[in-house]
Amino acid sequence: MPRKLIPLEFLNYLASISQVESSDQLPSLVEISKTLEISVASLREQVEVAKALGLVEVRPHTGIRRKPYSFFPAVQQSLGFALKLSPKNFAMFADLRNRLEASYWHAAVRRLENEDKNALHALMASAWEKLNGSPVQIPHDEHRKLHLTIYRRLNNPFVTGILEAYWDAYEAVGLSVYTDFDYLQQVWKFHQQIVDAICQGNLDAGYQALVAHTELLLHRSEATPVSGGRLVG
């Protein structure tokens, strides 16, 4: 027998009106409770679930509004809990992310437009400026944006949601504050190879650089134990 999902009338309601209503503004809780034939108290609990999933926003003077679907909030909530259980869960999620990027590499890069390639060049320039500056700065923001830019044109909310959640977890376990300069140089040399290959249309070379780059993080995670959500050593 297939498992049944927990019945949430409000989520079903949201899905149904998303197909027919153009406005994102929803009726009041009282009106929706009458439509669904459930109590306002029960509806309010279900709205909180929808908020946690990123499906709606609730504001004092504007009421309830639908939000565009995103897989990210659900992954973020679950992954955050997993990291609280054990920061070592990051390694497993990182492995999933690495395999996902590798699997979607060719499809993602083929969809990139000139403005995306220009953005990648700008991110590389900013990263090298930080790394070669005095004092040295860690180009974490550029790191995150570079990877997400490569996969931005897939128009797949599930892939995007997982990749975005990865970067939040990356920060949560302390990897964004790592200070080994030799490691940073290695990482950004691979990034340069990746961006150059994309702009030259050499997708296979870019793929090889991507795989080699992600193996660096694997070895780094194994060598640097994580404790209490932060790196040790």
C-alpha atoms as a PDB file:
ATOM      1  CA  MET A   1       0.000   0.000   0.000  1.00  0.00           C
ATOM      2  CA  PRO A   2       1.368   3.452  -0.879  1.00  0.00           C
ATOM      3  CA  ARG A   3       2.063   5.745   2.055  1.00  0.00           C
ATOM      4  CA  LYS A   4      -0.440   8.554   2.474  1.00  0.00           C
ATOM      5  CA  LEU A   5       0.703  12.112   2.985  1.00  0.00           C
ATOM      6  CA  ILE A   6      -0.465  13.917   6.094  1.00  0.00           C
ATOM      7  CA  PRO A   7      -3.752  15.608   5.107  1.00  0.00           C
ATOM      8  CA  LEU A   8      -3.260  19.362   5.024  1.00  0.00           C
ATOM      9  CA  GLU A   9      -6.293  21.032   3.598  1.00  0.00           C
ATOM     10  CA  PHE A  10      -4.580  24.384   3.274  1.00  0.00           C
ATOM     11  CA  LEU A  11      -1.777  22.999   1.096  1.00  0.00           C
ATOM     12  CA  ASN A  12      -4.349  21.364  -1.179  1.00  0.00           C
ATOM     13  CA  TYR A  13      -6.200  24.675  -1.276  1.00  0.00           C
ATOM     14  CA  LEU A  14      -3.021  26.538  -2.234  1.00  0.00           C
ATOM     15  CA  ALA A  15      -2.264  24.073  -5.020  1.00  0.00           C
ATOM     16  CA  SER A  16      -5.789  24.308  -6.425  1.00  0.00           C
ATOM     17  CA  ILE A  17      -5.995  28.110  -6.496  1.00  0.00           C
ATOM     18  CA  SER A  18      -2.497  28.407  -7.951  1.00  0.00           C
ATOM     19  CA  GLN A  19      -3.887  26.859 -11.130  1.00  0.00           C
ATOM     20  CA  VAL A  20      -6.794  29.293 -11.520  1.00  0.00           C
ATOM     21  CA  GLU A  21      -6.024  32.510  -9.589  1.00  0.00           C
ATOM     22  CA  SER A  22      -3.700  35.182 -10.938  1.00  0.00           C
ATOM     23  CA  SER A  23      -3.555  37.206  -7.722  1.00  0.00           C
ATOM     24  CA  ASP A  24      -1.165  36.148  -4.956  1.00  0.00           C
ATOM     25  CA  GLN A  25      -3.329  37.736  -2.266  1.00  0.00           C
ATOM     26  CA  LEU A  26      -5.349  35.179  -0.291  1.00  0.00           C
ATOM     27  CA  PRO A  27      -8.626  35.680   1.580  1.00  0.00           C
ATOM     28  CA  SER A  28      -8.654  36.069   5.349  1.00  0.00           C
ATOM     29  CA  LEU A  29      -8.242  33.090   7.680  1.00  0.00           C
ATOM     30  CA  VAL A  30     -11.948  33.247   8.521  1.00  0.00           C
ATOM     31  CA  GLU A  31     -12.953  33.089   4.865  1.00  0.00           C
ATOM     32  CA  ILE A  32     -10.538  30.250   4.073  1.00  0.00           C
ATOM     33  CA  SER A  33     -11.653  28.285   7.146  1.00  0.00           C
ATOM     34  CA  LYS A  34     -15.254  28.480   5.930  1.00  0.00           C
ATOM     35  CA  THR A  35     -14.230  27.352   2.448  1.00  0.00           C
ATOM     36  CA  LEU A  36     -12.271  24.396   3.810  1.00  0.00           C
ATOM     37  CA  GLU A  37     -14.752  23.662   6.600  1.00  0.00           C
ATOM     38  CA  ILE A  38     -12.058  23.533   9.265  1.00  0.00           C
ATOM     39  CA  SER A  39     -11.541  25.630  12.391  1.00  0.00           C
ATOM     40  CA  VAL A  40      -9.505  28.827  12.297  1.00  0.00           C
ATOM     41  CA  ALA A  41      -7.176  27.310  14.926  1.00  0.00           C
ATOM     42  CA  SER A  42      -6.503  24.261  12.738  1.00  0.00           C
ATOM     43  CA  LEU A  43      -6.069  26.468   9.669  1.00  0.00           C
ATOM     44  CA  ARG A  44      -3.604  28.707  11.492  1.00  0.00           C
ATOM     45  CA  GLU A  45      -1.430  25.664  12.281  1.00  0.00           C
ATOM     46  CA  GLN A  46      -1.488  24.633   8.644  1.00  0.00           C
ATOM     47  CA  VAL A  47      -0.565  28.150   7.521  1.00  0.00           C
ATOM     48  CA  GLU A  48       2.486  27.949   9.808  1.00  0.00           C
ATOM     49  CA  VAL A  49       3.516  24.748   8.013  1.00  0.00           C
ATOM     50  CA  ALA A  50       3.089  26.503   4.664  1.00  0.00           C
ATOM     51  CA  LYS A  51       5.211  29.418   5.939  1.00  0.00           C
ATOM     52  CA  ALA A  52       7.991  27.042   7.004  1.00  0.00           C
ATOM     53  CA  LEU A  53       7.900  25.491   3.534  1.00  0.00           C
ATOM     54  CA  GLY A  54       8.181  28.929   1.942  1.00  0.00           C
ATOM     55  CA  LEU A  55       4.816  28.663   0.214  1.00  0.00           C
ATOM     56  CA  VAL A  56       3.205  31.748   1.768  1.00  0.00           C
ATOM     57  CA  GLU A  57       4.157  34.877   3.642  1.00  0.00           C
ATOM     58  CA  VAL A  58       2.022  36.450   6.370  1.00  0.00           C
ATOM     59  CA  ARG A  59       2.304  40.126   7.244  1.00  0.00           C
ATOM     60  CA  PRO A  60       0.251  42.222   9.684  1.00  0.00           C
ATOM     61  CA  HIS A  61      -1.243  44.673   7.193  1.00  0.00           C
ATOM     62  CA  THR A  62      -1.165  42.702   3.950  1.00  0.00           C
ATOM     63  CA  GLY A  63      -2.468  39.340   5.165  1.00  0.00           C
ATOM     64  CA  ILE A  64      -1.538  36.063   3.485  1.00  0.00           C
ATOM     65  CA  ARG A  65       0.155  35.998   0.095  1.00  0.00           C
ATOM     66  CA  ARG A  66       1.285  33.075  -2.019  1.00  0.00           C
ATOM     67  CA  LYS A  67       4.964  32.866  -2.923  1.00  0.00           C
ATOM     68  CA  PRO A  68       6.508  31.281  -6.032  1.00  0.00           C
ATOM     69  CA  TYR A  69       7.343  27.630  -5.433  1.00  0.00           C
ATOM     70  CA  SER A  70      10.839  26.943  -4.120  1.00  0.00           C
ATOM     71  CA  PHE A  71      12.264  23.650  -2.894  1.00  0.00           C
ATOM     72  CA  PHE A  72      14.943  25.472  -0.895  1.00  0.00           C
ATOM     73  CA  PRO A  73      13.026  26.221   2.356  1.00  0.00           C
ATOM     74  CA  ALA A  74      12.021  22.585   2.855  1.00  0.00           C
ATOM     75  CA  VAL A  75      15.571  21.343   2.252  1.00  0.00           C
ATOM     76  CA  GLN A  76      17.021  24.099   4.420  1.00  0.00           C
ATOM     77  CA  GLN A  77      14.782  23.218   7.371  1.00  0.00           C
ATOM     78  CA  SER A  78      15.470  19.495   7.162  1.00  0.00           C
ATOM     79  CA  LEU A  79      19.207  19.906   6.553  1.00  0.00           C
ATOM     80  CA  GLY A  80      19.531  22.357   9.437  1.00  0.00           C
ATOM     81  CA  PHE A  81      18.002  19.755  11.735  1.00  0.00           C
ATOM     82  CA  ALA A  82      20.316  17.057  10.349  1.00  0.00           C
ATOM     83  CA  LEU A  83      23.359  19.232  11.108  1.00  0.00           C
ATOM     84  CA  LYS A  84      22.123  19.728  14.667  1.00  0.00           C
ATOM     85  CA  LEU A  85      21.919  15.950  15.045  1.00  0.00           C
ATOM     86  CA  SER A  86      25.458  15.598  13.733  1.00  0.00           C
ATOM     87  CA  PRO A  87      27.611  18.093  11.803  1.00  0.00           C
ATOM     88  CA  LYS A  88      29.095  15.046  10.066  1.00  0.00           C
ATOM     89  CA  ASN A  89      25.874  14.848   8.053  1.00  0.00           C
ATOM     90  CA  PHE A  90      27.312  17.698   6.003  1.00  0.00           C
ATOM     91  CA  ALA A  91      29.739  15.284   4.322  1.00  0.00           C
ATOM     92  CA  MET A  92      26.865  13.160   3.021  1.00  0.00           C
ATOM     93  CA  PHE A  93      24.939  16.177   1.794  1.00  0.00           C
ATOM     94  CA  ALA A  94      28.094  17.563   0.177  1.00  0.00           C
ATOM     95  CA  ASP A  95      28.517  14.266  -1.675  1.00  0.00           C
ATOM     96  CA  LEU A  96      24.934  14.576  -2.959  1.00  0.00           C
ATOM     97  CA  ARG A  97      25.589  18.138  -4.091  1.00  0.00           C
ATOM     98  CA  ASN A  98      28.833  17.176  -5.853  1.00  0.00           C
ATOM     99  CA  ARG A  99      27.143  14.363  -7.756  1.00  0.00           C
ATOM    100  CA  LEU A 100      24.232  16.643  -8.634  1.00  0.00           C
ATOM    101  CA  GLU A 101      26.512  19.331 -10.063  1.00  0.00           C
ATOM    102  CA  ALA A 102      28.420  16.737 -12.068  1.00  0.00           C
ATOM    103  CA  SER A 103      25.212  15.168 -13.416  1.00  0.00           C
ATOM    104  CA  TYR A 104      23.734  18.480 -14.544  1.00  0.00           C
ATOM    105  CA  TRP A 105      26.980  20.092 -15.701  1.00  0.00           C
ATOM    106  CA  HIS A 106      26.554  19.747 -19.464  1.00  0.00           C
ATOM    107  CA  ALA A 107      22.849  20.612 -19.452  1.00  0.00           C
ATOM    108  CA  ALA A 108      23.462  23.662 -17.268  1.00  0.00           C
ATOM    109  CA  VAL A 109      26.449  25.065 -19.173  1.00  0.00           C
ATOM    110  CA  ARG A 110      24.765  24.701 -22.581  1.00  0.00           C
ATOM    111  CA  ARG A 111      21.994  27.014 -21.352  1.00  0.00           C
ATOM    112  CA  LEU A 112      24.280  29.795 -20.140  1.00  0.00           C
ATOM    113  CA  GLU A 113      24.018  33.123 -21.948  1.00  0.00           C
ATOM    114  CA  ASN A 114      26.636  35.787 -22.581  1.00  0.00           C
ATOM    115  CA  GLU A 115      25.504  37.793 -19.561  1.00  0.00           C
ATOM    116  CA  ASP A 116      26.097  34.728 -17.379  1.00  0.00           C
ATOM    117  CA  LYS A 117      29.590  34.260 -18.777  1.00  0.00           C
ATOM    118  CA  ASN A 118      30.332  37.934 -18.183  1.00  0.00           C
ATOM    119  CA  ALA A 119      29.099  37.512 -14.612  1.00  0.00           C
ATOM    120  CA  LEU A 120      31.436  34.545 -14.142  1.00  0.00           C
ATOM    121  CA  HIS A 121      34.389  36.598 -15.403  1.00  0.00           C
ATOM    122  CA  ALA A 122      33.468  39.402 -12.991  1.00  0.00           C
ATOM    123  CA  LEU A 123      33.277  36.974 -10.076  1.00  0.00           C
ATOM    124  CA  MET A 124      36.698  35.575 -10.950  1.00  0.00           C
ATOM    125  CA  ALA A 125      38.188  39.065 -11.104  1.00  0.00           C
ATOM    126  CA  SER A 126      36.693  39.949  -7.733  1.00  0.00           C
ATOM    127  CA  ALA A 127      37.928  36.690  -6.177  1.00  0.00           C
ATOM    128  CA  TRP A 128      41.508  37.151  -7.400  1.00  0.00           C
ATOM    129  CA  GLU A 129      41.491  40.743  -6.189  1.00  0.00           C
ATOM    130  CA  LYS A 130      40.571  39.544  -2.695  1.00  0.00           C
ATOM    131  CA  LEU A 131      43.098  36.705  -2.712  1.00  0.00           C
ATOM    132  CA  ASN A 132      45.929  38.925  -3.955  1.00  0.00           C
ATOM    133  CA  GLY A 133      45.048  41.842  -1.708  1.00  0.00           C
ATOM    134  CA  SER A 134      46.623  42.922   1.544  1.00  0.00           C
ATOM    135  CA  PRO A 135      45.205  41.683   3.775  1.00  0.00           C
ATOM    136  CA  VAL A 136      43.985  38.564   1.993  1.00  0.00           C
ATOM    137  CA  GLN A 137      40.198  38.180   1.982  1.00  0.00           C
ATOM    138  CA  ILE A 138      38.279  34.937   1.550  1.00  0.00           C
ATOM    139  CA  PRO A 139      36.088  35.214  -1.579  1.00  0.00           C
ATOM    140  CA  HIS A 140      33.246  33.166  -0.135  1.00  0.00           C
ATOM    141  CA  ASP A 141      30.464  35.273  -1.657  1.00  0.00           C
ATOM    142  CA  GLU A 142      32.092  34.903  -5.069  1.00  0.00           C
ATOM    143  CA  HIS A 143      32.457  31.152  -4.501  1.00  0.00           C
ATOM    144  CA  ARG A 144      28.758  30.733  -3.795  1.00  0.00           C
ATOM    145  CA  LYS A 145      27.616  32.986  -6.632  1.00  0.00           C
ATOM    146  CA  LEU A 146      29.963  31.354  -9.156  1.00  0.00           C
ATOM    147  CA  HIS A 147      28.560  27.871  -8.603  1.00  0.00           C
ATOM    148  CA  LEU A 148      24.935  29.017  -8.484  1.00  0.00           C
ATOM    149  CA  THR A 149      25.398  31.102 -11.646  1.00  0.00           C
ATOM    150  CA  ILE A 150      26.556  28.041 -13.581  1.00  0.00           C
ATOM    151  CA  TYR A 151      23.297  26.215 -12.765  1.00  0.00           C
ATOM    152  CA  ARG A 152      20.908  29.166 -12.807  1.00  0.00           C
ATOM    153  CA  ARG A 153      19.446  28.486 -16.279  1.00  0.00           C
ATOM    154  CA  LEU A 154      18.300  24.931 -15.562  1.00  0.00           C
ATOM    155  CA  ASN A 155      14.899  26.199 -14.378  1.00  0.00           C
ATOM    156  CA  ASN A 156      14.685  23.172 -12.095  1.00  0.00           C
ATOM    157  CA  PRO A 157      13.557  24.260  -8.593  1.00  0.00           C
ATOM    158  CA  PHE A 158      14.607  20.940  -7.068  1.00  0.00           C
ATOM    159  CA  VAL A 159      18.200  21.146  -8.286  1.00  0.00           C
ATOM    160  CA  THR A 160      18.377  24.833  -7.369  1.00  0.00           C
ATOM    161  CA  GLY A 161      16.891  24.188  -3.926  1.00  0.00           C
ATOM    162  CA  ILE A 162      19.486  21.552  -3.077  1.00  0.00           C
ATOM    163  CA  LEU A 163      22.385  23.679  -4.342  1.00  0.00           C
ATOM    164  CA  GLU A 164      21.222  26.748  -2.397  1.00  0.00           C
ATOM    165  CA  ALA A 165      20.779  24.690   0.780  1.00  0.00           C
ATOM    166  CA  TYR A 166      24.299  23.322   0.362  1.00  0.00           C
ATOM    167  CA  TRP A 167      25.800  26.809   0.561  1.00  0.00           C
ATOM    168  CA  ASP A 168      23.864  27.647   3.721  1.00  0.00           C
ATOM    169  CA  ALA A 169      25.156  24.409   5.259  1.00  0.00           C
ATOM    170  CA  TYR A 170      28.680  25.194   4.017  1.00  0.00           C
ATOM    171  CA  GLU A 171      28.550  28.381   6.063  1.00  0.00           C
ATOM    172  CA  ALA A 172      26.899  26.687   9.057  1.00  0.00           C
ATOM    173  CA  VAL A 173      29.736  24.190   9.483  1.00  0.00           C
ATOM    174  CA  GLY A 174      32.381  26.895   9.180  1.00  0.00           C
ATOM    175  CA  LEU A 175      33.878  26.143   5.779  1.00  0.00           C
ATOM    176  CA  SER A 176      33.421  29.746   4.639  1.00  0.00           C
ATOM    177  CA  VAL A 177      35.984  30.937   7.212  1.00  0.00           C
ATOM    178  CA  TYR A 178      38.750  28.471   6.354  1.00  0.00           C
ATOM    179  CA  THR A 179      42.068  30.307   6.120  1.00  0.00           C
ATOM    180  CA  ASP A 180      44.561  27.959   4.427  1.00  0.00           C
ATOM    181  CA  PHE A 181      45.912  30.195   1.644  1.00  0.00           C
ATOM    182  CA  ASP A 182      47.418  27.346  -0.400  1.00  0.00           C
ATOM    183  CA  TYR A 183      44.041  25.599  -0.408  1.00  0.00           C
ATOM    184  CA  LEU A 184      42.269  28.785  -1.528  1.00  0.00           C
ATOM    185  CA  GLN A 185      44.768  29.244  -4.348  1.00  0.00           C
ATOM    186  CA  GLN A 186      44.139  25.680  -5.527  1.00  0.00           C
ATOM    187  CA  VAL A 187      40.383  26.126  -5.417  1.00  0.00           C
ATOM    188  CA  TRP A 188      40.412  29.323  -7.438  1.00  0.00           C
ATOM    189  CA  LYS A 189      42.834  27.959 -10.007  1.00  0.00           C
ATOM    190  CA  PHE A 190      40.249  25.244 -10.647  1.00  0.00           C
ATOM    191  CA  HIS A 191      37.525  27.885 -10.796  1.00  0.00           C
ATOM    192  CA  GLN A 192      39.557  29.755 -13.397  1.00  0.00           C
ATOM    193  CA  GLN A 193      39.863  26.573 -15.451  1.00  0.00           C
ATOM    194  CA  ILE A 194      36.115  26.002 -15.152  1.00  0.00           C
ATOM    195  CA  VAL A 195      35.190  29.524 -16.258  1.00  0.00           C
ATOM    196  CA  ASP A 196      37.743  29.544 -19.089  1.00  0.00           C
ATOM    197  CA  ALA A 197      36.413  26.210 -20.360  1.00  0.00           C
ATOM    198  CA  ILE A 198      32.819  27.474 -20.243  1.00  0.00           C
ATOM    199  CA  CYS A 199      33.668  30.603 -22.210  1.00  0.00           C
ATOM    200  CA  GLN A 200      35.684  28.600 -24.754  1.00  0.00           C
ATOM    201  CA  GLY A 201      32.863  26.101 -25.195  1.00  0.00           C
ATOM    202  CA  ASN A 202      35.035  23.221 -23.974  1.00  0.00           C
ATOM    203  CA  LEU A 203      32.443  21.547 -21.746  1.00  0.00           C
ATOM    204  CA  ASP A 204      34.422  18.348 -21.175  1.00  0.00           C
ATOM    205  CA  ALA A 205      37.479  20.229 -19.913  1.00  0.00           C
ATOM    206  CA  GLY A 206      35.246  22.247 -17.624  1.00  0.00           C
ATOM    207  CA  TYR A 207      33.667  19.056 -16.328  1.00  0.00           C
ATOM    208  CA  GLN A 208      37.064  17.559 -15.508  1.00  0.00           C
ATOM    209  CA  ALA A 209      38.058  20.733 -13.641  1.00  0.00           C
ATOM    210  CA  LEU A 210      34.761  20.670 -11.736  1.00  0.00           C
ATOM    211  CA  VAL A 211      35.259  17.066 -10.607  1.00  0.00           C
ATOM    212  CA  ALA A 212      38.848  17.739  -9.542  1.00  0.00           C
ATOM    213  CA  HIS A 213      37.707  20.829  -7.654  1.00  0.00           C
ATOM    214  CA  THR A 214      35.013  19.001  -5.693  1.00  0.00           C
ATOM    215  CA  GLU A 215      37.499  16.292  -4.709  1.00  0.00           C
ATOM    216  CA  LEU A 216      39.486  19.025  -2.928  1.00  0.00           C
ATOM    217  CA  LEU A 217      36.558  19.704  -0.602  1.00  0.00           C
ATOM    218  CA  LEU A 218      36.152  15.978   0.070  1.00  0.00           C
ATOM    219  CA  HIS A 219      39.779  15.626   1.175  1.00  0.00           C
ATOM    220  CA  ARG A 220      39.591  18.839   3.174  1.00  0.00           C
ATOM    221  CA  SER A 221      36.472  17.686   5.034  1.00  0.00           C
ATOM    222  CA  GLU A 222      38.090  14.350   5.841  1.00  0.00           C
ATOM    223  CA  ALA A 223      41.249  16.044   7.117  1.00  0.00           C
ATOM    224  CA  THR A 224      39.475  18.693   9.178  1.00  0.00           C
ATOM    225  CA  PRO A 225      37.008  17.271  11.709  1.00  0.00           C
ATOM    226  CA  VAL A 226      33.796  19.165  12.378  1.00  0.00           C
ATOM    227  CA  SER A 227      32.499  19.687  15.881  1.00  0.00           C
ATOM    228  CA  GLY A 228      29.538  21.644  17.183  1.00  0.00           C
ATOM    229  CA  GLY A 229      28.792  23.112  13.763  1.00  0.00           C
ATOM    230  CA  ARG A 230      32.311  24.583  13.386  1.00  0.00           C
ATOM    231  CA  LEU A 231      35.594  23.339  12.015  1.00  0.00           C
ATOM    232  CA  VAL A 232      38.246  22.223  14.464  1.00  0.00           C
ATOM    233  CA  GLY A 233      41.981  22.454  13.768  1.00  0.00           C
END
